[in-house]
């Protein structure tokens, strides 16, 4: 059966709705965290480096779902702000290892409560059980399509 494009409502498409949810998540993050000057991707990179000091750029990119070229610019900006330090790996001179600076750790501590507030606001319209189910369903979709993404589906 061929779908008729004339009467197709974008709001009936999961990809359209996923993009809209992403827009809302970014807007709420900006409202809560904007004055600190971190983007959601910069936050994810900083959080991951703080969680795993000494992580290499390639692993960081895969962990947060970014390609290695794009993550280099994110790291450049975090390093320029004094939030991360980058050094050449003693084992593989091609690899760059990342560690948080003291300022990076302080910035992260300031961001986390506000970022969590943005997450809370995003899910606010849902009841507690719906929030759990929504998160579960998103994970199912992500894991089922892991081969299409640069991010690992499971740890």
N, C-alpha and C. Protein backbone atom coordinates (compact mmCIF):
# COMPACT_ATOMS: atom_id res chain seq x y z
N UNK A 1 0.85 -1.18 0.00
CA UNK A 1 0.00 0.00 0.00
C UNK A 1 0.89 1.24 0.00
N UNK A 2 0.62 2.15 -0.90
CA UNK A 2 1.42 3.36 -1.04
C UNK A 2 0.80 4.47 -0.19
N UNK A 3 1.62 5.10 0.62
CA UNK A 3 1.14 6.20 1.45
C UNK A 3 0.94 7.44 0.60
N UNK A 4 -0.08 8.19 0.91
CA UNK A 4 -0.35 9.42 0.18
C UNK A 4 0.38 10.56 0.89
N UNK A 5 1.29 11.20 0.19
CA UNK A 5 2.08 12.26 0.80
C UNK A 5 1.27 13.52 1.03
N UNK A 6 0.19 13.70 0.26
CA UNK A 6 -0.62 14.91 0.38
C UNK A 6 -1.25 15.07 1.77
N UNK A 7 -1.68 13.98 2.36
CA UNK A 7 -2.38 14.05 3.65
C UNK A 7 -1.56 13.52 4.82
N UNK A 8 -0.27 13.33 4.63
CA UNK A 8 0.58 12.79 5.69
C UNK A 8 0.87 13.86 6.73
N UNK A 9 0.56 13.56 7.97
CA UNK A 9 0.77 14.50 9.07
C UNK A 9 2.12 14.19 9.73
N UNK A 10 3.08 15.12 9.70
CA UNK A 10 4.38 14.87 10.34
C UNK A 10 4.25 14.46 11.82
N UNK A 11 3.22 14.95 12.48
CA UNK A 11 3.05 14.63 13.91
C UNK A 11 2.66 13.17 14.13
N UNK A 12 2.42 12.43 13.06
CA UNK A 12 2.13 11.00 13.19
C UNK A 12 3.40 10.16 12.98
N UNK A 13 4.53 10.82 12.78
CA UNK A 13 5.78 10.12 12.47
C UNK A 13 6.72 10.14 13.67
N UNK A 14 7.25 8.97 14.07
CA UNK A 14 8.12 8.92 15.24
C UNK A 14 9.39 9.75 15.08
N UNK A 15 9.95 9.82 13.89
CA UNK A 15 11.16 10.62 13.69
C UNK A 15 10.90 12.10 13.94
N UNK A 16 9.76 12.58 13.47
CA UNK A 16 9.39 13.98 13.69
C UNK A 16 9.22 14.26 15.18
N UNK A 17 8.52 13.35 15.86
CA UNK A 17 8.31 13.54 17.30
C UNK A 17 9.62 13.46 18.08
N UNK A 18 10.52 12.56 17.67
CA UNK A 18 11.82 12.45 18.34
C UNK A 18 12.60 13.76 18.18
N UNK A 19 12.55 14.34 16.98
CA UNK A 19 13.23 15.62 16.76
C UNK A 19 12.62 16.72 17.62
N UNK A 20 11.31 16.72 17.77
CA UNK A 20 10.64 17.74 18.60
C UNK A 20 11.02 17.57 20.08
N UNK A 21 11.08 16.32 20.54
CA UNK A 21 11.50 16.07 21.93
C UNK A 21 12.93 16.57 22.12
N UNK A 22 13.80 16.32 21.14
CA UNK A 22 15.18 16.81 21.21
C UNK A 22 15.21 18.33 21.29
N UNK A 23 14.38 19.00 20.49
CA UNK A 23 14.30 20.47 20.55
C UNK A 23 13.91 20.93 21.95
N UNK A 24 12.92 20.27 22.53
CA UNK A 24 12.48 20.63 23.88
C UNK A 24 13.59 20.39 24.90
N UNK A 25 14.28 19.27 24.79
CA UNK A 25 15.37 18.96 25.73
C UNK A 25 16.46 20.02 25.65
N UNK A 26 16.82 20.43 24.45
CA UNK A 26 17.87 21.45 24.29
C UNK A 26 17.39 22.80 24.83
N UNK A 27 16.14 23.16 24.55
CA UNK A 27 15.61 24.43 25.03
C UNK A 27 15.56 24.48 26.56
N UNK A 28 15.11 23.40 27.18
CA UNK A 28 15.06 23.35 28.65
C UNK A 28 16.47 23.38 29.24
N UNK A 29 17.41 22.68 28.62
CA UNK A 29 18.80 22.70 29.07
C UNK A 29 19.32 24.14 29.01
N UNK A 30 19.05 24.83 27.92
CA UNK A 30 19.51 26.22 27.76
C UNK A 30 18.90 27.13 28.82
N UNK A 31 17.63 26.93 29.14
CA UNK A 31 16.99 27.75 30.17
C UNK A 31 17.63 27.54 31.53
N UNK A 32 17.94 26.29 31.85
CA UNK A 32 18.49 25.98 33.17
C UNK A 32 19.99 26.23 33.29
N UNK A 33 20.73 26.00 32.21
CA UNK A 33 22.20 25.98 32.28
C UNK A 33 22.84 27.08 31.43
N UNK A 34 22.06 27.74 30.60
CA UNK A 34 22.59 28.67 29.61
C UNK A 34 23.58 29.69 30.12
N UNK A 35 23.37 30.22 31.32
CA UNK A 35 24.28 31.25 31.83
C UNK A 35 25.67 30.70 32.16
N UNK A 36 25.79 29.39 32.27
CA UNK A 36 27.11 28.77 32.52
C UNK A 36 27.86 28.63 31.20
N UNK A 37 27.13 28.64 30.10
CA UNK A 37 27.77 28.63 28.80
C UNK A 37 28.18 27.27 28.28
N UNK A 38 27.50 26.21 28.73
CA UNK A 38 27.76 24.87 28.19
C UNK A 38 26.59 24.44 27.34
N UNK A 39 26.89 23.78 26.24
CA UNK A 39 25.85 23.17 25.42
C UNK A 39 25.59 21.75 25.96
N UNK A 40 24.50 21.12 25.56
CA UNK A 40 24.27 19.75 26.00
C UNK A 40 25.40 18.80 25.61
N UNK A 41 25.98 18.97 24.44
CA UNK A 41 27.08 18.10 24.02
C UNK A 41 28.33 18.38 24.85
N UNK A 42 28.61 19.64 25.13
CA UNK A 42 29.76 19.97 25.99
C UNK A 42 29.56 19.39 27.39
N UNK A 43 28.33 19.49 27.90
CA UNK A 43 28.03 18.88 29.20
C UNK A 43 28.32 17.38 29.15
N UNK A 44 27.81 16.68 28.13
CA UNK A 44 28.01 15.23 28.02
C UNK A 44 29.49 14.88 27.97
N UNK A 45 30.25 15.67 27.22
CA UNK A 45 31.70 15.42 27.13
C UNK A 45 32.36 15.64 28.47
N UNK A 46 32.05 16.75 29.13
CA UNK A 46 32.66 17.06 30.43
C UNK A 46 32.28 16.01 31.47
N UNK A 47 31.01 15.62 31.51
CA UNK A 47 30.55 14.60 32.47
C UNK A 47 31.29 13.29 32.23
N UNK A 48 31.43 12.89 30.98
CA UNK A 48 32.08 11.62 30.65
C UNK A 48 33.56 11.67 31.02
N UNK A 49 34.23 12.78 30.75
CA UNK A 49 35.65 12.90 31.11
C UNK A 49 35.82 12.90 32.63
N UNK A 50 34.91 13.54 33.34
CA UNK A 50 34.99 13.52 34.82
C UNK A 50 34.72 12.11 35.35
N UNK A 51 33.83 11.37 34.69
CA UNK A 51 33.55 9.99 35.10
C UNK A 51 34.70 9.06 34.78
N UNK A 52 35.43 9.35 33.70
CA UNK A 52 36.50 8.47 33.23
C UNK A 52 37.75 9.29 32.90
N UNK A 53 38.41 9.87 33.91
CA UNK A 53 39.61 10.67 33.63
C UNK A 53 40.63 9.83 32.86
N UNK A 54 41.24 10.45 31.84
CA UNK A 54 42.21 9.75 31.02
C UNK A 54 41.60 9.08 29.82
N UNK A 55 40.30 9.27 29.59
CA UNK A 55 39.63 8.70 28.42
C UNK A 55 40.23 9.33 27.16
N UNK A 56 40.33 8.55 26.10
CA UNK A 56 40.85 9.11 24.86
C UNK A 56 39.71 9.71 24.04
N UNK A 57 40.06 10.59 23.12
CA UNK A 57 39.07 11.30 22.32
C UNK A 57 38.17 10.37 21.54
N UNK A 58 38.73 9.32 20.98
CA UNK A 58 37.94 8.39 20.17
C UNK A 58 36.90 7.68 21.02
N UNK A 59 37.28 7.24 22.20
CA UNK A 59 36.33 6.57 23.11
C UNK A 59 35.27 7.55 23.59
N UNK A 60 35.69 8.78 23.88
CA UNK A 60 34.72 9.80 24.29
C UNK A 60 33.68 10.01 23.19
N UNK A 61 34.14 10.15 21.95
CA UNK A 61 33.22 10.36 20.83
C UNK A 61 32.21 9.22 20.73
N UNK A 62 32.68 7.99 20.81
CA UNK A 62 31.79 6.84 20.73
C UNK A 62 30.82 6.80 21.90
N UNK A 63 31.29 7.14 23.08
CA UNK A 63 30.46 7.08 24.29
C UNK A 63 29.30 8.06 24.24
N UNK A 64 29.54 9.26 23.70
CA UNK A 64 28.45 10.24 23.67
C UNK A 64 27.79 10.35 22.30
N UNK A 65 28.17 9.48 21.36
CA UNK A 65 27.49 9.42 20.08
C UNK A 65 27.88 10.51 19.11
N UNK A 66 29.15 10.88 19.09
CA UNK A 66 29.65 11.89 18.16
C UNK A 66 30.77 11.31 17.33
N UNK A 67 30.94 11.86 16.12
CA UNK A 67 32.06 11.40 15.31
C UNK A 67 33.34 12.07 15.81
N UNK A 68 34.47 11.45 15.51
CA UNK A 68 35.75 11.91 16.05
C UNK A 68 36.12 13.31 15.57
N UNK A 69 35.72 13.70 14.36
CA UNK A 69 36.05 15.05 13.89
C UNK A 69 35.27 16.10 14.67
N UNK A 70 33.98 15.85 14.87
CA UNK A 70 33.14 16.82 15.58
C UNK A 70 33.55 16.94 17.04
N UNK A 71 33.90 15.83 17.66
CA UNK A 71 34.26 15.88 19.08
C UNK A 71 35.53 16.70 19.30
N UNK A 72 36.41 16.74 18.31
CA UNK A 72 37.64 17.53 18.44
C UNK A 72 37.31 19.00 18.68
N UNK A 73 36.32 19.54 17.98
CA UNK A 73 35.92 20.93 18.18
C UNK A 73 35.30 21.16 19.55
N UNK A 74 34.51 20.20 20.01
CA UNK A 74 33.91 20.28 21.35
C UNK A 74 35.02 20.32 22.39
N UNK A 75 36.00 19.44 22.24
CA UNK A 75 37.12 19.38 23.19
C UNK A 75 37.94 20.65 23.11
N UNK A 76 38.16 21.18 21.90
CA UNK A 76 38.89 22.44 21.75
C UNK A 76 38.24 23.54 22.58
N UNK A 77 36.91 23.65 22.50
CA UNK A 77 36.21 24.70 23.24
C UNK A 77 36.28 24.48 24.75
N UNK A 78 36.15 23.23 25.19
CA UNK A 78 36.25 22.95 26.64
C UNK A 78 37.67 23.20 27.14
N UNK A 79 38.65 22.86 26.33
CA UNK A 79 40.05 23.09 26.71
C UNK A 79 40.34 24.60 26.75
N UNK A 80 39.84 25.35 25.79
CA UNK A 80 40.04 26.80 25.75
C UNK A 80 39.45 27.49 26.98
N UNK A 81 38.38 26.92 27.51
CA UNK A 81 37.75 27.46 28.73
C UNK A 81 38.43 26.98 30.00
N UNK A 82 39.42 26.11 29.86
CA UNK A 82 40.14 25.60 31.02
C UNK A 82 39.39 24.53 31.78
N UNK A 83 38.45 23.84 31.11
CA UNK A 83 37.66 22.81 31.78
C UNK A 83 38.24 21.41 31.60
N UNK A 84 39.00 21.21 30.53
CA UNK A 84 39.64 19.93 30.24
C UNK A 84 41.10 20.17 29.88
N UNK A 85 41.93 19.16 30.15
CA UNK A 85 43.32 19.16 29.69
C UNK A 85 43.49 17.97 28.76
N UNK A 86 44.26 18.18 27.71
CA UNK A 86 44.49 17.15 26.71
C UNK A 86 45.98 16.87 26.67
N UNK A 87 46.33 15.58 26.67
CA UNK A 87 47.74 15.21 26.56
C UNK A 87 47.90 14.00 25.66
N UNK A 88 49.06 13.86 25.09
CA UNK A 88 49.36 12.73 24.21
C UNK A 88 49.52 11.48 25.06
N UNK A 89 48.94 10.39 24.60
CA UNK A 89 49.05 9.12 25.31
C UNK A 89 50.49 8.62 25.28
N UNK A 90 50.99 8.16 26.41
CA UNK A 90 52.34 7.61 26.42
C UNK A 90 52.43 6.26 25.70
N UNK A 91 51.30 5.61 25.51
CA UNK A 91 51.25 4.31 24.85
C UNK A 91 51.07 4.44 23.33
N UNK A 92 50.23 5.39 22.91
CA UNK A 92 49.94 5.59 21.49
C UNK A 92 49.98 7.08 21.22
N UNK A 93 51.02 7.56 20.59
CA UNK A 93 51.22 8.99 20.38
C UNK A 93 50.11 9.63 19.52
N UNK A 94 49.35 8.82 18.81
CA UNK A 94 48.24 9.36 18.01
C UNK A 94 47.03 9.67 18.89
N UNK A 95 46.93 9.04 20.04
CA UNK A 95 45.77 9.20 20.92
C UNK A 95 45.96 10.40 21.86
N UNK A 96 44.86 11.13 22.06
CA UNK A 96 44.87 12.26 23.00
C UNK A 96 44.03 11.85 24.20
N UNK A 97 44.62 11.95 25.40
CA UNK A 97 43.93 11.60 26.63
C UNK A 97 43.37 12.86 27.28
N UNK A 98 42.20 12.75 27.85
CA UNK A 98 41.50 13.90 28.42
C UNK A 98 41.31 13.74 29.91
N UNK A 99 41.57 14.81 30.63
CA UNK A 99 41.32 14.83 32.07
C UNK A 99 40.64 16.14 32.43
N UNK A 100 39.78 16.11 33.44
CA UNK A 100 39.14 17.37 33.85
C UNK A 100 40.14 18.21 34.64
N UNK A 101 40.01 19.51 34.53
CA UNK A 101 40.78 20.42 35.37
C UNK A 101 39.96 20.66 36.65
N UNK A 102 40.56 21.35 37.61
CA UNK A 102 39.79 21.70 38.81
C UNK A 102 38.59 22.57 38.43
N UNK A 103 38.81 23.50 37.49
CA UNK A 103 37.71 24.35 37.03
C UNK A 103 36.64 23.52 36.34
N UNK A 104 37.04 22.50 35.61
CA UNK A 104 36.08 21.61 34.97
C UNK A 104 35.24 20.87 35.99
N UNK A 105 35.87 20.40 37.04
CA UNK A 105 35.16 19.69 38.10
C UNK A 105 34.20 20.63 38.82
N UNK A 106 34.64 21.87 39.08
CA UNK A 106 33.75 22.85 39.73
C UNK A 106 32.57 23.20 38.83
N UNK A 107 32.85 23.39 37.55
CA UNK A 107 31.78 23.73 36.60
C UNK A 107 30.76 22.60 36.53
N UNK A 108 31.24 21.38 36.46
CA UNK A 108 30.33 20.24 36.42
C UNK A 108 29.45 20.19 37.67
N UNK A 109 30.05 20.42 38.82
CA UNK A 109 29.27 20.42 40.08
C UNK A 109 28.18 21.49 40.05
N UNK A 110 28.45 22.62 39.41
CA UNK A 110 27.44 23.68 39.31
C UNK A 110 26.36 23.33 38.29
N UNK A 111 26.74 22.61 37.24
CA UNK A 111 25.80 22.30 36.16
C UNK A 111 24.85 21.17 36.52
N UNK A 112 25.33 20.14 37.18
CA UNK A 112 24.53 18.92 37.37
C UNK A 112 23.15 19.18 37.99
N UNK A 113 23.02 19.90 39.09
CA UNK A 113 21.67 20.09 39.65
C UNK A 113 20.74 20.81 38.67
N UNK A 114 21.27 21.74 37.93
CA UNK A 114 20.46 22.50 36.98
C UNK A 114 20.11 21.64 35.76
N UNK A 115 21.05 20.82 35.32
CA UNK A 115 20.77 19.90 34.20
C UNK A 115 19.69 18.91 34.62
N UNK A 116 19.78 18.40 35.85
CA UNK A 116 18.76 17.47 36.34
C UNK A 116 17.39 18.14 36.42
N UNK A 117 17.37 19.41 36.75
CA UNK A 117 16.11 20.16 36.76
C UNK A 117 15.53 20.23 35.35
N UNK A 118 16.38 20.43 34.35
CA UNK A 118 15.91 20.45 32.96
C UNK A 118 15.32 19.09 32.59
N UNK A 119 15.97 18.02 33.02
CA UNK A 119 15.46 16.67 32.74
C UNK A 119 14.11 16.45 33.41
N UNK A 120 14.00 16.92 34.64
CA UNK A 120 12.74 16.80 35.38
C UNK A 120 11.64 17.57 34.66
N UNK A 121 11.95 18.76 34.21
CA UNK A 121 10.96 19.57 33.49
C UNK A 121 10.53 18.90 32.19
N UNK A 122 11.45 18.24 31.52
CA UNK A 122 11.12 17.57 30.26
C UNK A 122 10.07 16.47 30.48
N UNK A 123 10.23 15.73 31.57
CA UNK A 123 9.33 14.61 31.85
C UNK A 123 8.14 15.00 32.73
N UNK A 124 8.09 16.24 33.16
CA UNK A 124 7.05 16.72 34.08
C UNK A 124 5.62 16.38 33.66
N UNK A 125 5.27 16.44 32.38
CA UNK A 125 3.88 16.13 32.00
C UNK A 125 3.49 14.67 32.23
N UNK A 126 4.47 13.80 32.44
CA UNK A 126 4.18 12.37 32.58
C UNK A 126 4.09 11.97 34.05
N UNK A 127 3.21 11.02 34.33
CA UNK A 127 3.15 10.43 35.67
C UNK A 127 4.40 9.58 35.89
N UNK A 128 4.70 9.27 37.13
CA UNK A 128 5.92 8.52 37.46
C UNK A 128 6.05 7.23 36.66
N UNK A 129 4.98 6.46 36.57
CA UNK A 129 5.02 5.19 35.83
C UNK A 129 5.23 5.45 34.33
N UNK A 130 4.63 6.51 33.82
CA UNK A 130 4.81 6.85 32.41
C UNK A 130 6.25 7.27 32.12
N UNK A 131 6.87 7.96 33.06
CA UNK A 131 8.27 8.38 32.89
C UNK A 131 9.17 7.15 32.74
N UNK A 132 8.97 6.18 33.62
CA UNK A 132 9.77 4.94 33.56
C UNK A 132 9.53 4.23 32.23
N UNK A 133 8.28 4.16 31.81
CA UNK A 133 7.94 3.47 30.57
C UNK A 133 8.50 4.22 29.35
N UNK A 134 8.42 5.53 29.36
CA UNK A 134 8.96 6.35 28.28
C UNK A 134 10.46 6.12 28.16
N UNK A 135 11.18 6.14 29.27
CA UNK A 135 12.62 5.91 29.27
C UNK A 135 12.93 4.48 28.78
N UNK A 136 12.15 3.52 29.23
CA UNK A 136 12.35 2.13 28.81
C UNK A 136 12.16 2.00 27.29
N UNK A 137 11.09 2.59 26.79
CA UNK A 137 10.80 2.48 25.36
C UNK A 137 11.88 3.17 24.52
N UNK A 138 12.38 4.32 24.98
CA UNK A 138 13.46 4.98 24.24
C UNK A 138 14.70 4.09 24.18
N UNK A 139 15.02 3.44 25.31
CA UNK A 139 16.18 2.53 25.32
C UNK A 139 15.98 1.35 24.36
N UNK A 140 14.76 0.81 24.30
CA UNK A 140 14.47 -0.30 23.40
C UNK A 140 14.72 0.13 21.95
N UNK A 141 14.22 1.27 21.56
CA UNK A 141 14.40 1.76 20.19
C UNK A 141 15.88 1.99 19.90
N UNK A 142 16.60 2.59 20.83
CA UNK A 142 18.03 2.86 20.64
C UNK A 142 18.81 1.56 20.52
N UNK A 143 18.56 0.63 21.41
CA UNK A 143 19.29 -0.64 21.38
C UNK A 143 18.97 -1.46 20.13
N UNK A 144 17.72 -1.41 19.69
CA UNK A 144 17.34 -2.18 18.50
C UNK A 144 17.96 -1.62 17.22
N UNK A 145 18.35 -0.36 17.27
CA UNK A 145 18.93 0.29 16.10
C UNK A 145 20.39 0.69 16.32
N UNK A 146 21.06 0.01 17.23
CA UNK A 146 22.43 0.38 17.61
C UNK A 146 23.39 0.41 16.44
N UNK A 147 23.19 -0.45 15.45
CA UNK A 147 24.12 -0.50 14.32
C UNK A 147 24.08 0.78 13.48
N UNK A 148 23.06 1.58 13.64
CA UNK A 148 22.94 2.83 12.89
C UNK A 148 23.59 4.01 13.61
N UNK A 149 24.06 3.79 14.81
CA UNK A 149 24.58 4.85 15.64
C UNK A 149 26.05 4.64 15.95
N UNK A 150 26.70 5.74 16.33
CA UNK A 150 28.10 5.66 16.76
C UNK A 150 28.21 5.37 18.25
N UNK A 151 27.10 5.38 18.94
CA UNK A 151 27.13 5.15 20.39
C UNK A 151 26.86 3.67 20.69
N UNK A 152 27.60 3.09 21.60
CA UNK A 152 27.32 1.69 21.95
C UNK A 152 25.94 1.56 22.60
N UNK A 153 25.24 0.49 22.27
CA UNK A 153 23.89 0.28 22.83
C UNK A 153 23.96 -0.12 24.29
N UNK A 154 24.91 -0.93 24.65
CA UNK A 154 25.02 -1.42 26.04
C UNK A 154 26.45 -1.29 26.50
N UNK A 155 26.59 -1.10 27.81
CA UNK A 155 27.95 -1.05 28.39
C UNK A 155 28.49 -2.44 28.55
